[in-house]
Protein backbone atom coordinates (compact mmCIF):
# COMPACT_ATOMS: atom_id res chain seq x y z
CA MET A 1 17.64 13.88 -13.02
CA THR A 2 19.64 14.78 -15.87
CA THR A 3 22.91 12.88 -14.08
CA THR A 4 23.35 9.48 -12.25
CA PRO A 5 22.46 9.92 -8.64
CA ILE A 6 26.49 9.07 -8.09
CA GLU A 7 27.16 11.68 -10.11
CA ALA A 8 24.86 13.81 -8.44
CA VAL A 9 27.02 13.15 -5.25
CA ASP A 10 30.22 13.74 -6.64
CA ARG A 11 29.38 17.16 -8.24
CA ALA A 12 27.59 18.08 -4.62
CA LEU A 13 31.03 16.79 -2.91
CA ALA A 14 32.99 19.07 -5.45
CA ALA A 15 30.95 22.12 -4.94
CA ILE A 16 30.77 22.00 -0.93
CA ALA A 17 34.57 21.16 -0.62
CA ARG A 18 35.66 24.59 -0.49
CA TYR A 19 33.51 25.29 2.90
CA GLU A 20 35.25 22.68 5.02
CA ARG A 21 31.98 21.13 6.07
CA PRO A 22 33.36 17.39 7.41
CA ASP A 23 29.68 16.54 8.40
CA LEU A 24 27.50 17.57 5.34
CA GLU A 25 30.48 15.63 3.41
CA ALA A 26 30.45 12.69 5.28
CA ARG A 27 26.47 12.68 4.73
CA LEU A 28 27.13 12.70 0.97
CA ARG A 29 29.91 10.15 1.32
CA GLN A 30 27.53 7.69 2.94
CA ALA A 31 24.66 8.30 0.62
CA ARG A 32 27.35 7.30 -2.17
CA ALA A 33 28.13 4.08 -0.62
CA ARG A 34 24.66 3.87 -0.13
CA LEU A 35 23.85 3.93 -3.91
CA GLN A 36 27.33 1.71 -4.73
CA ASP A 37 26.04 -1.33 -2.61
CA ASP A 38 22.26 -0.81 -3.43
CA ARG A 39 20.99 -4.22 -4.32
CA VAL A 40 17.51 -4.65 -4.78
CA ARG A 41 16.53 -8.20 -3.24
CA LEU A 42 13.90 -9.97 -4.34
CA LEU A 43 12.45 -13.03 -2.59
CA VAL A 44 11.17 -15.82 -4.13
CA VAL A 45 8.48 -17.72 -1.94
CA GLY A 46 6.27 -20.43 -2.00
CA GLU A 47 4.96 -23.65 -0.66
CA PHE A 48 6.92 -27.06 -1.01
CA LYS A 49 7.63 -27.74 -4.86
CA GLN A 50 5.85 -25.39 -6.46
CA GLY A 51 8.56 -24.63 -8.82
CA LYS A 52 10.64 -21.49 -7.20
CA SER A 53 13.74 -22.95 -8.06
CA MET A 54 13.04 -23.58 -11.56
CA LEU A 55 11.38 -20.00 -11.93
CA VAL A 56 14.65 -18.72 -10.60
CA ASN A 57 16.82 -20.63 -13.40
CA GLY A 58 14.22 -19.58 -16.21
CA LEU A 59 14.52 -15.71 -15.22
CA LEU A 60 18.44 -15.99 -15.07
CA GLY A 61 18.79 -18.61 -18.06
CA ALA A 62 21.32 -20.54 -15.87
CA PRO A 63 20.94 -23.65 -13.74
CA ALA A 64 21.26 -21.20 -10.53
CA CYS A 65 19.41 -23.13 -8.10
CA PRO A 66 19.57 -27.08 -7.70
CA VAL A 67 16.38 -28.66 -9.11
CA PHE A 68 15.26 -31.99 -8.45
CA ASP A 69 11.53 -33.86 -9.01
CA ASP A 70 11.36 -35.18 -5.39
CA VAL A 71 13.73 -33.14 -3.42
CA ALA A 72 13.11 -29.81 -1.98
CA THR A 73 15.53 -26.42 -1.31
CA SER A 74 16.70 -26.69 2.41
CA VAL A 75 18.77 -23.38 2.68
CA PRO A 76 18.00 -20.27 1.32
CA THR A 77 20.15 -19.64 -1.74
CA VAL A 78 21.13 -15.75 -2.50
CA VAL A 79 22.18 -15.27 -6.34
CA ARG A 80 23.63 -12.00 -6.97
CA TYR A 81 26.03 -10.74 -10.00
CA ALA A 82 29.72 -12.24 -10.28
CA GLU A 83 32.12 -12.00 -13.02
CA GLN A 84 32.82 -15.54 -12.77
CA PRO A 85 30.48 -18.43 -11.63
CA VAL A 86 31.01 -18.84 -7.78
CA VAL A 87 29.41 -20.87 -5.16
CA THR A 88 29.90 -19.43 -1.30
CA LEU A 89 28.59 -21.05 2.08
CA VAL A 90 27.87 -18.68 4.55
CA ARG A 91 27.54 -19.81 8.59
CA GLY A 92 27.51 -16.68 10.87
CA ASP A 93 30.85 -14.73 9.91
CA SER A 94 32.35 -17.59 7.89
CA ARG A 95 32.46 -17.63 4.10
CA ILE A 96 33.84 -20.49 2.64
CA GLU A 97 33.81 -20.93 -1.73
CA VAL A 98 33.27 -24.41 -2.92
CA PRO A 99 33.25 -25.81 -6.63
CA VAL A 100 30.25 -24.80 -8.46
CA ASP A 101 28.95 -28.64 -9.10
CA GLN A 102 28.57 -28.73 -5.35
CA LEU A 103 25.87 -26.62 -5.11
CA ALA A 104 23.19 -29.36 -4.72
CA ALA A 105 25.21 -30.73 -1.88
CA TYR A 106 24.37 -28.22 0.37
CA ALA A 107 21.73 -26.24 -0.86
CA SER A 108 19.13 -29.41 -1.18
CA GLU A 109 17.25 -31.82 0.95
CA SER A 110 19.17 -34.65 -0.48
CA GLY A 111 22.71 -33.18 0.10
CA ASN A 112 21.99 -31.01 3.29
CA PRO A 113 18.86 -32.59 4.89
CA ASP A 114 17.27 -30.55 7.58
CA ASN A 115 20.11 -27.99 7.06
CA LYS A 116 22.50 -30.41 9.12
CA GLU A 117 25.36 -28.29 8.04
CA ARG A 118 23.86 -25.43 9.87
CA LEU A 119 24.30 -22.78 6.73
CA ASP A 120 22.80 -19.26 7.16
CA HIS A 121 22.30 -19.22 3.53
CA VAL A 122 24.54 -20.18 -0.01
CA GLU A 123 25.27 -17.39 -2.31
CA VAL A 124 25.75 -17.90 -6.14
CA GLY A 125 27.47 -15.35 -8.05
CA LEU A 126 26.78 -15.30 -11.73
CA PRO A 127 27.63 -12.97 -14.71
CA ARG A 128 23.85 -12.02 -15.95
CA PRO A 129 22.59 -8.94 -17.63
CA ILE A 130 19.52 -8.46 -14.73
CA LEU A 131 21.88 -9.22 -11.80
CA GLY A 132 24.31 -6.56 -13.12
CA GLU A 133 21.46 -4.15 -13.05
CA GLY A 134 21.24 -4.79 -8.81
CA LEU A 135 18.82 -7.56 -8.65
CA GLU A 136 19.42 -10.17 -5.69
CA LEU A 137 17.27 -12.93 -6.08
CA VAL A 138 16.62 -15.38 -2.83
CA ASP A 139 15.47 -18.69 -3.54
CA THR A 140 13.82 -19.37 -0.01
CA PRO A 141 13.14 -23.14 1.25
CA GLY A 142 9.77 -24.94 0.55
CA VAL A 143 10.22 -27.68 3.27
CA GLY A 144 7.01 -28.00 5.32
CA GLY A 145 5.10 -24.92 3.39
CA LEU A 146 4.69 -21.28 4.22
CA GLY A 147 3.38 -21.79 7.59
CA SER A 148 6.41 -24.30 8.97
CA VAL A 149 9.15 -23.41 10.83
CA HIS A 150 11.17 -22.89 7.74
CA GLY A 151 8.41 -20.61 6.76
CA ALA A 152 9.22 -18.48 9.79
CA ALA A 153 12.58 -17.73 8.37
CA THR A 154 10.90 -16.68 5.21
CA MET A 155 8.49 -14.29 6.84
CA SER A 156 11.54 -12.79 9.07
CA ALA A 157 13.29 -11.86 5.71
CA LEU A 158 10.29 -9.87 4.55
CA PRO A 159 11.21 -6.47 5.79
CA THR A 160 14.43 -6.74 3.99
CA ALA A 161 13.20 -7.44 0.54
CA ASP A 162 12.38 -5.09 -2.06
CA ALA A 163 10.10 -7.08 -3.59
CA VAL A 164 8.41 -10.46 -3.30
CA LEU A 165 7.49 -13.09 -5.66
CA LEU A 166 4.55 -16.05 -4.57
CA VAL A 167 4.99 -19.09 -6.23
CA SER A 168 2.16 -21.50 -6.64
CA ASP A 169 1.79 -24.02 -9.59
CA ALA A 170 -1.37 -24.73 -11.43
CA SER A 171 -2.39 -27.93 -9.84
CA GLN A 172 -4.78 -26.19 -7.17
CA GLU A 173 -6.03 -22.80 -6.15
CA TYR A 174 -4.50 -20.79 -3.60
CA THR A 175 -4.48 -22.21 0.14
CA ALA A 176 -5.08 -20.30 3.19
CA PRO A 177 -1.53 -19.93 4.21
CA GLU A 178 -0.46 -18.64 0.99
CA LEU A 179 -3.30 -16.12 1.19
CA GLU A 180 -2.17 -15.24 4.49
CA PHE A 181 1.65 -14.92 3.71
CA LEU A 182 0.21 -12.56 1.01
CA ARG A 183 -1.52 -10.45 3.61
CA HIS A 184 1.98 -10.15 5.62
CA ALA A 185 3.81 -9.56 2.78
CA VAL A 186 2.12 -6.45 1.42
CA ALA A 187 2.21 -4.87 4.81
CA VAL A 188 5.79 -4.67 5.15
CA CYS A 189 7.07 -5.04 1.26
CA PRO A 190 6.62 -2.54 -1.37
CA ASN A 191 6.47 -4.57 -4.75
CA VAL A 192 4.51 -8.37 -4.49
CA ALA A 193 3.73 -10.08 -7.37
CA CYS A 194 1.97 -13.54 -7.93
CA VAL A 195 3.25 -15.98 -10.28
CA VAL A 196 1.65 -19.31 -11.02
CA THR A 197 3.80 -22.09 -12.48
CA LYS A 198 4.10 -25.64 -14.19
CA THR A 199 0.97 -24.09 -17.04
CA ASP A 200 2.40 -26.47 -19.35
CA LEU A 201 1.89 -29.68 -16.91
CA TYR A 202 -2.07 -29.05 -16.16
CA PRO A 203 -4.53 -28.40 -18.96
CA ASP A 204 -6.78 -26.65 -16.63
CA TRP A 205 -4.16 -23.76 -15.50
CA ARG A 206 -6.49 -21.02 -17.06
CA PHE A 207 -9.24 -21.85 -14.71
CA VAL A 208 -6.77 -22.19 -11.49
CA ALA A 209 -5.39 -18.68 -12.65
CA GLU A 210 -9.13 -17.46 -12.97
CA GLN A 211 -9.70 -18.70 -9.45
CA ASN A 212 -6.51 -17.34 -7.98
CA GLN A 213 -7.30 -14.10 -9.36
CA ALA A 214 -10.64 -14.24 -7.70
CA HIS A 215 -9.23 -14.86 -4.57
CA LEU A 216 -6.83 -11.85 -4.95
CA GLU A 217 -9.92 -9.61 -5.59
CA ALA A 218 -12.15 -11.04 -2.76
CA ALA A 219 -8.89 -10.66 -0.34
CA LYS A 220 -7.94 -7.29 -1.49
CA ILE A 221 -9.47 -5.12 1.83
CA ASP A 222 -6.91 -7.80 3.78
CA LEU A 223 -4.39 -6.74 1.36
CA GLY A 224 -4.57 -3.08 2.40
CA GLY A 225 -6.75 -2.42 -1.25
CA LEU A 226 -3.59 -3.30 -3.15
CA SER A 227 -3.92 -5.87 -5.97
CA PRO A 228 -0.46 -7.87 -6.85
CA SER A 229 0.88 -8.38 -10.19
CA PHE A 230 0.02 -11.65 -11.57
CA PHE A 231 1.94 -13.98 -13.75
CA THR A 232 1.46 -17.36 -15.37
CA VAL A 233 4.76 -19.03 -16.76
CA SER A 234 6.07 -22.19 -17.83
CA SER A 235 9.84 -22.89 -16.57
CA THR A 236 10.11 -26.20 -18.99
CA LEU A 237 8.82 -24.10 -22.16
CA ARG A 238 11.32 -21.11 -20.86
CA TRP A 239 14.02 -23.35 -20.92
CA HIS A 240 13.25 -24.67 -24.18
CA ALA A 241 13.15 -21.33 -25.54
CA LEU A 242 16.56 -20.32 -24.02
CA GLN A 243 18.35 -23.37 -25.62
CA THR A 244 16.72 -23.24 -29.23
CA GLY A 245 16.37 -19.34 -29.40
CA ASP A 246 12.77 -19.69 -30.23
CA GLN A 247 11.16 -16.79 -29.58
CA ASP A 248 7.41 -18.07 -30.22
CA VAL A 249 7.98 -20.61 -27.53
CA ASN A 250 9.42 -18.04 -25.39
CA ARG A 251 6.34 -15.72 -25.49
CA GLU A 252 4.17 -18.95 -24.85
CA SER A 253 6.37 -19.41 -21.76
CA GLY A 254 4.86 -16.44 -20.27
CA TYR A 255 8.31 -15.29 -19.10
CA PRO A 256 8.68 -11.99 -20.73
CA PRO A 257 5.96 -10.08 -18.99
CA LEU A 258 7.54 -11.20 -15.78
CA VAL A 259 11.14 -10.20 -16.56
CA THR A 260 9.64 -6.88 -17.96
CA TYR A 261 8.14 -6.54 -14.44
CA LEU A 262 11.03 -7.06 -12.38
CA ARG A 263 13.12 -4.42 -14.77
CA LYS A 264 10.51 -1.63 -14.76
CA LYS A 265 8.51 -2.18 -11.46
CA VAL A 266 11.19 -3.65 -9.12
CA LEU A 267 14.43 -2.32 -10.48
CA GLY A 268 13.08 0.73 -12.02
CA GLU A 269 10.96 1.88 -8.83
CA ALA A 270 14.32 1.11 -6.57
CA GLU A 271 16.31 3.23 -8.93
CA SER A 272 13.41 6.20 -8.50
CA LEU A 273 13.70 5.54 -4.91
CA ALA A 274 17.33 5.99 -4.87
CA ARG A 275 17.42 9.09 -7.36
CA ARG A 276 14.43 10.81 -4.78
CA SER A 277 16.80 9.72 -1.83
CA THR A 278 19.97 11.00 -3.46
CA ALA A 279 18.33 14.25 -4.43
CA HIS A 280 17.04 14.76 -0.96
CA ASP A 281 20.11 14.69 0.68
CA VAL A 282 21.73 16.36 -2.01
CA HIS A 283 19.38 19.35 -1.68
CA ALA A 284 19.75 19.37 2.36
CA VAL A 285 22.97 19.70 2.28
CA ILE A 286 23.33 22.10 -0.67
CA ASP A 287 20.48 24.20 1.20
CA GLN A 288 22.39 24.52 4.52
CA ILE A 289 25.20 25.98 2.35
CA ILE A 290 23.09 28.12 0.66
CA SER A 291 21.45 29.24 4.07
CA SER A 292 24.56 30.06 5.55
CA LEU A 293 25.36 32.34 2.38
CA ARG A 294 22.30 34.14 2.14
CA ALA A 295 22.48 34.93 5.84
CA GLU A 296 26.20 36.05 4.84
CA GLU A 297 24.76 38.24 1.65
CA SER A 298 21.92 39.84 3.78
CA ALA A 299 24.66 40.90 6.62
CA GLN A 300 26.85 42.28 3.81
CA SER A 301 24.56 44.18 1.95
CA ASP A 302 22.85 45.68 5.26
CA PRO A 303 25.62 45.93 7.98
CA ALA A 304 22.99 48.01 9.93
CA SER A 305 20.42 44.98 10.22
CA ALA A 306 23.03 42.48 10.89
CA GLN A 307 22.64 42.35 14.81
CA ALA A 308 19.10 41.81 14.21
CA LEU A 309 19.76 38.97 11.99
CA ILE A 310 22.49 37.60 14.76
CA ASP A 311 20.05 37.62 17.04
CA LYS A 312 17.67 35.32 14.83
CA LEU A 313 20.13 32.93 14.37
CA SER A 314 21.17 32.74 17.47
CA VAL A 315 17.83 31.96 18.39
CA ALA A 316 17.56 29.15 15.85
CA GLU A 317 21.00 28.19 16.64
CA GLN A 318 19.84 27.24 20.34
CA ARG A 319 17.00 25.61 19.24
CA ALA A 320 18.93 23.19 16.99
CA ALA A 321 21.40 22.49 20.02
CA GLY A 322 18.60 21.74 21.77
CA LEU A 323 17.53 18.90 19.55
CA LYS A 324 20.78 17.21 20.77
CA GLU A 325 19.80 17.31 24.38
CA ARG A 326 18.31 13.92 25.72
CA SER A 327 15.64 16.05 27.01
CA ALA A 328 14.88 16.99 23.71
CA ARG A 329 11.07 16.33 22.41
CA TRP A 330 12.03 13.84 19.39
CA GLN A 331 14.57 11.81 22.14
CA GLN A 332 11.50 11.51 24.27
CA THR A 333 9.32 10.38 21.63
CA LEU A 334 11.91 7.75 20.60
CA SER A 335 12.79 6.32 23.83
CA ASP A 336 9.12 6.38 24.76
CA GLY A 337 8.00 4.69 21.81
CA VAL A 338 10.35 2.05 22.08
CA ALA A 339 9.80 1.16 25.22
CA ASP A 340 5.61 0.83 24.36
CA LEU A 341 6.50 -0.77 21.53
CA ASN A 342 8.58 -3.69 23.34
CA ALA A 343 6.01 -4.10 25.97
CA ASP A 344 3.17 -4.46 22.94
CA VAL A 345 5.52 -6.59 20.87
CA ASP A 346 5.91 -9.29 24.15
CA TYR A 347 2.28 -8.95 25.13
CA ASP A 348 1.59 -9.92 21.45
CA LEU A 349 3.83 -12.73 21.05
CA ARG A 350 2.81 -13.93 24.91
CA ASP A 351 -0.90 -13.64 23.97
CA ARG A 352 -0.63 -15.37 20.88
CA MET A 353 1.39 -18.49 22.54
CA ARG A 354 -1.26 -18.59 25.32
CA GLU A 355 -3.61 -19.29 22.56
CA ILE A 356 -1.46 -21.82 21.09
CA VAL A 357 -0.86 -23.76 24.61
CA ARG A 358 -4.94 -23.42 25.27
CA GLU A 359 -5.96 -25.46 22.02
CA ALA A 360 -2.99 -27.66 22.32
CA GLU A 361 -3.92 -28.73 25.98
CA GLU A 362 -7.60 -29.09 24.69
CA SER A 363 -6.19 -31.70 22.18
CA ILE A 364 -3.97 -33.56 24.84
CA MET A 365 -7.12 -33.95 27.27
CA ASP A 366 -9.30 -35.34 24.85
CA GLY A 367 -7.38 -38.74 25.18
CA ASP A 368 -4.24 -40.16 25.01
CA PRO A 369 -1.66 -37.90 23.72
CA THR A 370 0.93 -40.50 22.25
CA LYS A 371 -2.02 -41.50 19.56
CA ILE A 372 -1.96 -38.09 17.97
CA TRP A 373 1.70 -36.55 19.20
CA ASP A 374 3.35 -36.27 15.88
CA GLN A 375 0.13 -34.66 14.56
CA LEU A 376 -0.23 -32.40 17.34
CA THR A 377 3.48 -31.82 17.37
CA LYS A 378 3.61 -30.53 13.54
CA TRP A 379 0.43 -28.32 14.43
CA VAL A 380 2.23 -26.60 17.41
CA GLN A 381 5.33 -26.07 15.62
CA ASP A 382 3.85 -24.57 12.58
CA ALA A 383 1.20 -22.54 14.85
CA ALA A 384 4.23 -21.30 16.66
CA ALA A 385 6.18 -20.17 13.33
CA SER A 386 2.77 -18.56 11.99
CA ALA A 387 2.58 -16.70 15.55
CA VAL A 388 6.36 -15.52 15.26
CA SER A 389 5.95 -14.30 11.74
CA ALA A 390 2.74 -12.36 12.51
CA ASN A 391 4.52 -10.45 15.56
CA SER A 392 7.53 -9.98 13.64
CA VAL A 393 5.39 -8.43 10.83
CA TRP A 394 3.45 -6.39 13.41
CA ALA A 395 6.40 -5.34 14.66
CA THR A 396 7.90 -3.73 11.67
CA GLN A 397 4.91 -1.93 11.03
CA ARG A 398 4.66 -0.23 14.50
CA ALA A 399 8.58 0.49 14.02
CA ARG A 400 8.40 2.30 10.91
CA TRP A 401 5.32 4.16 12.45
CA LEU A 402 7.16 5.33 15.09
CA ALA A 403 9.94 6.34 12.83
CA ARG A 404 7.93 8.34 10.90
CA ARG A 405 6.29 9.73 14.76
CA VAL A 406 10.27 10.94 15.45
CA ALA A 407 10.81 12.53 12.07
CA GLU A 408 7.79 14.62 12.47
CA HIS A 409 9.83 16.85 15.11
CA PHE A 410 12.40 17.55 12.42
CA ASP A 411 10.81 18.20 8.94
CA SER A 412 7.22 18.16 7.51
CA GLU A 413 8.62 16.06 4.58
CA ARG A 414 9.24 13.46 7.27
CA GLU A 415 9.04 10.55 4.80
CA GLN A 416 12.24 11.80 3.04
CA THR A 417 14.17 12.42 6.31
CA LEU A 418 14.01 9.04 7.67
CA PRO A 419 16.83 6.68 7.31
CA SER A 420 16.56 2.94 5.58
CA LEU A 421 14.69 1.01 8.03
CA GLN A 422 15.08 -2.61 7.53
CA THR A 423 14.18 -3.97 10.24
CA SER A 424 15.40 -7.64 9.38
CA SER A 425 15.80 -10.12 12.07
CA GLY A 426 17.28 -13.96 12.14
CA ASP A 427 15.11 -17.21 12.55
CA PRO A 428 14.38 -17.42 16.30
CA LEU A 429 13.26 -20.54 15.87
CA ARG A 430 16.79 -22.02 14.92
CA SER A 431 17.70 -22.11 18.54
CA VAL A 432 14.38 -23.83 19.72
CA ARG A 433 14.72 -27.31 20.87
CA ALA A 434 12.64 -29.97 19.27
CA LEU A 435 9.10 -30.77 21.14
CA GLU A 436 9.43 -34.16 22.48
CA VAL A 437 8.10 -35.96 25.30
CA ARG A 438 9.50 -38.93 27.35
CA SER A 439 7.15 -41.62 27.90
CA ASP A 440 9.14 -44.91 28.41
CA GLU A 441 5.91 -46.39 30.49
CA LYS A 442 4.37 -48.90 28.06
CA PHE A 443 0.99 -50.56 29.06
CA GLY A 444 0.61 -53.85 26.82
CA VAL A 445 -0.80 -57.15 27.37
CA GLY A 446 1.62 -58.03 29.88
CA GLY A 447 1.04 -54.95 32.05
CA ARG A 448 -2.46 -55.37 31.40
CA PHE A 449 -2.42 -59.11 32.78
CA LEU A 450 -0.19 -58.24 36.17
CA SER A 451 -2.72 -54.96 36.77
CA GLY A 452 -5.68 -57.43 36.55
CA LEU A 453 -3.90 -60.38 38.26
CA ARG A 454 -3.13 -57.72 41.34
CA GLY A 455 -6.75 -56.45 41.41
CA GLY A 456 -8.44 -59.86 40.72
CA TYR A 457 -6.38 -61.39 43.63
CA SER A 458 -7.11 -58.92 46.22
CA GLY A 459 -10.90 -59.38 45.12
CA LEU A 460 -10.73 -63.13 45.73
CA LEU A 461 -8.95 -62.94 48.95
CA MET A 462 -10.89 -60.31 50.33
CA PHE A 463 -14.15 -61.84 49.50
CA GLY A 464 -13.06 -65.40 49.86
CA LEU A 465 -12.36 -64.32 53.63
CA LEU A 466 -15.94 -63.00 54.11
CA GLY A 467 -17.58 -66.01 52.43
CA SER A 468 -15.28 -68.37 54.54
CA ALA A 469 -17.03 -66.35 57.92
CA ILE A 470 -20.41 -67.91 56.67
CA GLY A 471 -19.21 -71.16 55.42
CA LEU A 472 -18.10 -71.14 52.14
CA SER A 473 -14.51 -71.85 50.84
CA LEU A 474 -11.85 -69.24 49.79
CA ILE A 475 -12.75 -69.91 46.31
CA ASN A 476 -16.24 -69.50 45.27
CA PRO A 477 -18.71 -67.88 42.88
CA ILE A 478 -19.10 -64.71 44.82
CA SER A 479 -15.33 -64.29 45.31
CA ILE A 480 -14.24 -65.29 41.56
CA GLY A 481 -16.92 -62.61 40.47
CA ALA A 482 -15.36 -59.95 42.75
CA ALA A 483 -12.15 -61.19 41.65
CA VAL A 484 -13.00 -60.44 37.90
CA LEU A 485 -14.75 -57.10 38.69
CA LEU A 486 -11.98 -55.56 40.61
CA GLY A 487 -9.13 -57.08 38.06
CA GLY A 488 -11.16 -55.37 35.44
CA LYS A 489 -11.35 -52.03 37.77
CA THR A 490 -7.58 -52.43 38.34
CA ILE A 491 -6.75 -52.43 34.65
CA GLY A 492 -8.94 -49.17 33.81
CA ASP A 493 -7.44 -47.28 36.84
CA GLU A 494 -4.08 -48.21 35.68
CA ARG A 495 -5.05 -47.25 31.90
CA LYS A 496 -6.31 -44.03 33.34
CA ARG A 497 -3.17 -43.24 35.41
CA ILE A 498 -0.86 -44.12 32.59
CA VAL A 499 -2.94 -41.85 30.34
CA GLN A 500 -3.17 -38.96 33.05
CA ARG A 501 0.61 -39.24 33.36
CA ARG A 502 1.13 -39.14 29.67
CA GLN A 503 -1.43 -36.03 29.28
CA ASN A 504 0.74 -34.09 31.95
CA ASP A 505 4.05 -34.74 30.51
CA ALA A 506 2.72 -33.95 26.98
CA LYS A 507 1.18 -30.63 28.77
CA ALA A 508 4.62 -30.22 30.41
CA ALA A 509 6.83 -30.57 27.01
CA LEU A 510 4.63 -28.24 25.30
CA ARG A 511 4.96 -25.71 27.91
CA ARG A 512 8.63 -25.86 27.67
CA TYR A 513 8.77 -25.63 24.02
CA ILE A 514 6.63 -22.46 23.88
CA ASP A 515 8.64 -21.05 26.82
CA ASP A 516 11.57 -21.45 24.75
CA VAL A 517 10.09 -20.34 21.47
CA THR A 518 8.68 -16.67 23.66
CA PHE A 519 12.36 -16.51 25.09
CA HIS A 520 14.06 -16.76 21.51
CA ALA A 521 11.58 -14.71 19.54
CA GLY A 522 11.22 -12.05 22.35
CA LYS A 523 14.89 -11.66 22.68
CA GLU A 524 14.92 -11.29 18.69
CA SER A 525 12.34 -8.69 18.72
CA ARG A 526 13.96 -6.83 21.36
CA ASP A 527 17.45 -6.72 19.52
CA VAL A 528 15.56 -5.62 16.15
CA LEU A 529 14.01 -2.77 18.11
CA ARG A 530 17.21 -1.62 19.55
CA ALA A 531 19.14 -1.49 16.78
CA MET A 532 16.39 0.57 15.12
CA GLN A 533 16.58 2.71 18.16
CA ARG A 534 20.24 3.40 17.70
CA ASP A 535 19.75 3.73 13.90
CA LEU A 536 17.16 6.37 14.23
CA ARG A 537 19.09 8.21 17.56
CA ASP A 538 22.35 8.20 15.31
CA HIS A 539 20.48 9.39 11.81
CA PHE A 540 18.75 12.54 13.88
CA THR A 541 21.66 13.60 16.17
CA ALA A 542 23.43 14.02 13.00
CA LEU A 543 20.60 16.04 11.38
CA ALA A 544 20.72 17.99 14.43
CA GLU A 545 24.68 18.65 14.37
CA GLN A 546 24.44 19.22 10.63
CA LEU A 547 21.59 22.17 11.35
CA LYS A 548 23.32 23.30 14.42
CA ARG A 549 26.88 23.86 12.68
CA SER A 550 25.05 25.39 9.58
CA LEU A 551 23.50 28.19 11.94
CA GLN A 552 26.96 28.63 13.82
CA GLU A 553 28.79 29.29 10.23
CA SER A 554 25.82 31.90 9.37
CA ILE A 555 26.25 33.53 12.56
CA GLN A 556 30.08 33.91 12.26
CA SER A 557 29.46 34.94 8.66
CA ALA A 558 27.24 37.72 10.03
CA GLN A 559 29.59 38.55 12.76
CA LYS A 560 32.40 39.44 9.98
CA SER A 561 30.73 41.24 8.03
CA VAL A 562 29.76 44.09 10.48
CA LYS A 563 33.60 44.64 10.44
CA ALA A 564 34.30 44.57 6.72
CA SER A 565 35.25 47.69 4.95
CA SER A 566 32.40 48.86 2.56
CA GLU A 567 35.23 47.70 -0.37
CA ASP A 568 35.52 44.11 0.94
CA ARG A 569 31.98 43.84 1.67
CA ASN A 570 31.11 44.20 -2.21
CA ALA A 571 33.86 42.11 -3.13
CA ARG A 572 32.23 39.61 -1.04
CA LEU A 573 29.01 40.14 -2.44
CA LYS A 574 30.14 39.40 -5.95
CA GLU A 575 31.75 36.11 -4.62
CA ILE A 576 28.57 35.08 -2.65
CA ALA A 577 26.78 35.76 -5.88
CA ALA A 578 28.89 33.71 -7.95
CA GLU A 579 28.71 30.87 -5.56
CA LEU A 580 25.18 30.96 -5.26
CA ALA A 581 24.69 30.51 -8.95
CA ALA A 582 27.07 27.58 -8.73
CA LEU A 583 25.29 25.79 -6.15
CA GLU A 584 21.64 26.89 -7.23
CA LYS A 585 22.74 25.17 -10.62
CA ILE A 586 23.62 22.01 -9.20
CA ARG A 587 20.60 22.03 -6.87
CA ALA A 588 18.53 22.21 -10.11
CA GLU A 589 20.44 19.49 -12.28
CA VAL A 590 19.26 16.96 -8.92
CA THR A 591 15.67 16.41 -9.09
CA PRO A 592 13.88 13.62 -8.11
């Protein structure tokens, strides 16, 4: 493309202004607005304390994210371009600016433990060149790891990301949750890279890096045949290089190749995609105008064949009008597809949750659940978060597949006619109540003594009375032995009763928690699919309307040509030739 995307759209707008096509002008203005607000979103993700915040700071050369040795990030921190440093707290529709030096009080576990402020995210604006190029960095919480409840929020943001950096330090090889996260990331995100940090801290970092690359190669099939880009960096060396201006130390830090990747691969591909999208919109609009002019040119050149052309255009116009009807095939494909997708996503989520309940109940029934409750609670919460995340990723893949199927009814180049489907969702686990069980019944020494005394007294009395019938006293060796046996049995029975009650309470609490997770996650997925359905419906309805309007314009032009005089036709043919030449010139300049 010899011009910038925005300049191309402006040229196309100026070229079609004379044809009074507000529908086509609206399409181009929408494309222009998309270009002006087209940020490239980069998610920085990883386990707890892997150096994500330091990586972001090193990339920007500024303390954009708070960094502590023993404190983790608790709230997503979105870093984007601003002319002056600014920090904004975002909670729902509310946006509150706070002093820059108060960032740590809201974005870290020390100042905002477990996100008690209930912030959606914190926005940091900085005047940095790479941010000015359109890059938007998101430092995600590492509390609890990728498989935790916080990890579910990170996973739900994947469909909105243009690129992902998986950060892991050089202390150990990739863990199973990290490889699982990679598998989900490559399924819905176009650019995924792996970064090993803290190479200055661990002498064996090269061995760890080699092992990690071996793991990536072994998991290549699970990653869809892709090999994520791989980088090793030291944020400490990078920060030292930025402060001293030492280029040798900067190269040793490993950051230059990563910055080059972000500029060429992430920002470069995003720009290329924007160019292709813009070129498609401009070509589609100009082609419709050219099609109308060609039809008019044909009618003006040969009035005798005008009626045949009108009949042909009328048939095409009826087909285009049919695309707007509820009975149109694409409408049916979309409606049936969303209904099927809703059912499949709901079934998948419930099936995953049933498996969690099954495994958790087996652990509960193995003994006293109070002894393992803390570990069991964490496992259930992490397993539920992982299940919700996997379900969300799968739903995103299916939604995009459905969009391509609907597009097949319109255009053989269906990839280009699709709207930007970023099936993002919120954090469905935020509204889920904690997994808790009420177990007030204790069975300490006092309880065991009273239970044993009650059983022993019954045994003593019963066997003492039987012994008195044969001349023995109430308290005799037989009655004392019976008292001991029955007392022990009563203690055992009471212990079993209490354990069984605890098991029942634990299972009830587990099912309540899983039902709550299923309810909120299901609601979130249905909302996402409904939004996707509306986007596709509005997009393709607008395409059908544009096509119908263009054909109507062609029919009207052909009908007018029949009544025009020879002199008028010759003059109009010259005008059409000039208009076509101007439009073709713009079209040729706008190439992907």
